[in-house]
Amino acid sequence: MKASYEENRKKLAEKVKTELPKLPIQEVKPVEVKEEKEAESHVNFWLSSAIMDDIKILSIKQKKTIKEIGREAFIDFIAKYKL
């Protein structure tokens, strides 16, 4: 049994030396640095259905998300009343 083990080990060693690997060698790629985003807070409030419908229509026409429209509205409101 020991002889067959040694024989199999030698066959495997020769096979590893002569045959090309079937899997591609791993590529080394640089680590991508992610941009740090500004911290965000969640806002939750109720609007009338009519206002929400208008916001959705505006969102489609302006090709902006509802989040972007809300952010612009808050920024404009703050700029209007900023001391």
C-alpha atoms as a PDB file:
ATOM      1  CA  MET A   1       0.000   0.000   0.000  1.00  0.00           C
ATOM      2  CA  LYS A   2       2.821   2.378   0.843  1.00  0.00           C
ATOM      3  CA  ALA A   3       4.462   1.669  -2.514  1.00  0.00           C
ATOM      4  CA  SER A   4       1.292   2.543  -4.447  1.00  0.00           C
ATOM      5  CA  TYR A   5       0.949   5.754  -2.436  1.00  0.00           C
ATOM      6  CA  GLU A   6       4.515   6.782  -3.296  1.00  0.00           C
ATOM      7  CA  GLU A   7       3.924   5.866  -6.930  1.00  0.00           C
ATOM      8  CA  ASN A   8       0.717   7.921  -7.087  1.00  0.00           C
ATOM      9  CA  ARG A   9       2.463  10.857  -5.437  1.00  0.00           C
ATOM     10  CA  LYS A  10       5.279  10.761  -8.017  1.00  0.00           C
ATOM     11  CA  LYS A  11       2.737  10.575 -10.867  1.00  0.00           C
ATOM     12  CA  LEU A  12       0.893  13.553  -9.458  1.00  0.00           C
ATOM     13  CA  ALA A  13       4.121  15.541  -9.071  1.00  0.00           C
ATOM     14  CA  GLU A  14       5.053  14.861 -12.707  1.00  0.00           C
ATOM     15  CA  LYS A  15       1.551  15.759 -13.853  1.00  0.00           C
ATOM     16  CA  VAL A  16       1.711  19.081 -11.984  1.00  0.00           C
ATOM     17  CA  LYS A  17       5.111  19.868 -13.521  1.00  0.00           C
ATOM     18  CA  THR A  18       4.165  19.015 -17.119  1.00  0.00           C
ATOM     19  CA  GLU A  19       0.514  20.053 -17.519  1.00  0.00           C
ATOM     20  CA  LEU A  20      -0.596  23.653 -17.787  1.00  0.00           C
ATOM     21  CA  PRO A  21      -3.111  24.825 -15.213  1.00  0.00           C
ATOM     22  CA  LYS A  22      -6.708  24.648 -16.386  1.00  0.00           C
ATOM     23  CA  LEU A  23      -7.855  27.651 -14.353  1.00  0.00           C
ATOM     24  CA  PRO A  24      -6.630  31.164 -15.108  1.00  0.00           C
ATOM     25  CA  ILE A  25      -4.110  32.614 -12.714  1.00  0.00           C
ATOM     26  CA  GLN A  26      -5.602  35.189 -10.378  1.00  0.00           C
ATOM     27  CA  GLU A  27      -5.090  38.782 -11.432  1.00  0.00           C
ATOM     28  CA  VAL A  28      -4.028  41.393  -8.933  1.00  0.00           C
ATOM     29  CA  LYS A  29      -6.189  44.504  -9.191  1.00  0.00           C
ATOM     30  CA  PRO A  30      -5.838  47.691  -7.165  1.00  0.00           C
ATOM     31  CA  VAL A  31      -8.398  48.314  -4.475  1.00  0.00           C
ATOM     32  CA  GLU A  32     -11.064  50.790  -5.530  1.00  0.00           C
ATOM     33  CA  VAL A  33     -11.427  53.725  -3.186  1.00  0.00           C
ATOM     34  CA  LYS A  34     -15.052  54.590  -2.543  1.00  0.00           C
ATOM     35  CA  GLU A  35     -16.054  58.199  -2.242  1.00  0.00           C
ATOM     36  CA  GLU A  36     -17.314  59.167   1.171  1.00  0.00           C
ATOM     37  CA  LYS A  37     -20.889  60.328   0.978  1.00  0.00           C
ATOM     38  CA  GLU A  38     -22.300  63.049   3.133  1.00  0.00           C
ATOM     39  CA  ALA A  39     -24.234  61.610   6.055  1.00  0.00           C
ATOM     40  CA  GLU A  40     -27.956  61.530   5.398  1.00  0.00           C
ATOM     41  CA  SER A  41     -30.980  61.624   7.682  1.00  0.00           C
ATOM     42  CA  HIS A  42     -34.353  60.046   7.081  1.00  0.00           C
ATOM     43  CA  VAL A  43     -37.400  62.320   6.776  1.00  0.00           C
ATOM     44  CA  ASN A  44     -40.873  60.895   7.227  1.00  0.00           C
ATOM     45  CA  PHE A  45     -44.058  62.952   6.999  1.00  0.00           C
ATOM     46  CA  TRP A  46     -47.504  62.876   5.457  1.00  0.00           C
ATOM     47  CA  LEU A  47     -48.621  64.892   2.399  1.00  0.00           C
ATOM     48  CA  SER A  48     -52.003  65.185   0.775  1.00  0.00           C
ATOM     49  CA  SER A  49     -52.543  62.900  -2.192  1.00  0.00           C
ATOM     50  CA  ALA A  50     -52.945  65.891  -4.511  1.00  0.00           C
ATOM     51  CA  ILE A  51     -49.534  67.299  -3.542  1.00  0.00           C
ATOM     52  CA  MET A  52     -47.904  63.892  -3.883  1.00  0.00           C
ATOM     53  CA  ASP A  53     -49.465  63.428  -7.331  1.00  0.00           C
ATOM     54  CA  ASP A  54     -48.099  66.826  -8.392  1.00  0.00           C
ATOM     55  CA  ILE A  55     -44.644  65.877  -7.090  1.00  0.00           C
ATOM     56  CA  LYS A  56     -44.733  62.598  -9.041  1.00  0.00           C
ATOM     57  CA  ILE A  57     -45.744  64.377 -12.253  1.00  0.00           C
ATOM     58  CA  LEU A  58     -43.013  66.978 -11.713  1.00  0.00           C
ATOM     59  CA  SER A  59     -40.552  64.160 -11.050  1.00  0.00           C
ATOM     60  CA  ILE A  60     -41.321  62.591 -14.432  1.00  0.00           C
ATOM     61  CA  LYS A  61     -41.214  65.903 -16.318  1.00  0.00           C
ATOM     62  CA  GLN A  62     -37.948  67.031 -14.701  1.00  0.00           C
ATOM     63  CA  LYS A  63     -36.405  63.514 -14.867  1.00  0.00           C
ATOM     64  CA  LYS A  64     -35.493  63.731 -11.187  1.00  0.00           C
ATOM     65  CA  THR A  65     -36.260  61.471  -8.273  1.00  0.00           C
ATOM     66  CA  ILE A  66     -38.750  62.475  -5.600  1.00  0.00           C
ATOM     67  CA  LYS A  67     -35.814  62.531  -3.188  1.00  0.00           C
ATOM     68  CA  GLU A  68     -33.975  65.068  -5.370  1.00  0.00           C
ATOM     69  CA  ILE A  69     -37.077  67.256  -5.647  1.00  0.00           C
ATOM     70  CA  GLY A  70     -37.592  67.151  -1.872  1.00  0.00           C
ATOM     71  CA  ARG A  71     -33.930  67.982  -1.247  1.00  0.00           C
ATOM     72  CA  GLU A  72     -34.142  70.982  -3.608  1.00  0.00           C
ATOM     73  CA  ALA A  73     -37.325  72.182  -1.884  1.00  0.00           C
ATOM     74  CA  PHE A  74     -35.711  71.992   1.562  1.00  0.00           C
ATOM     75  CA  ILE A  75     -32.550  73.761   0.346  1.00  0.00           C
ATOM     76  CA  ASP A  76     -34.621  76.565  -1.232  1.00  0.00           C
ATOM     77  CA  PHE A  77     -36.711  76.893   1.946  1.00  0.00           C
ATOM     78  CA  ILE A  78     -33.600  77.096   4.127  1.00  0.00           C
ATOM     79  CA  ALA A  79     -31.998  79.651   1.799  1.00  0.00           C
ATOM     80  CA  LYS A  80     -35.162  81.771   1.944  1.00  0.00           C
ATOM     81  CA  TYR A  81     -35.244  81.970   5.754  1.00  0.00           C
ATOM     82  CA  LYS A  82     -31.533  81.735   6.541  1.00  0.00           C
ATOM     83  CA  LEU A  83     -30.404  84.389   8.983  1.00  0.00           C
END
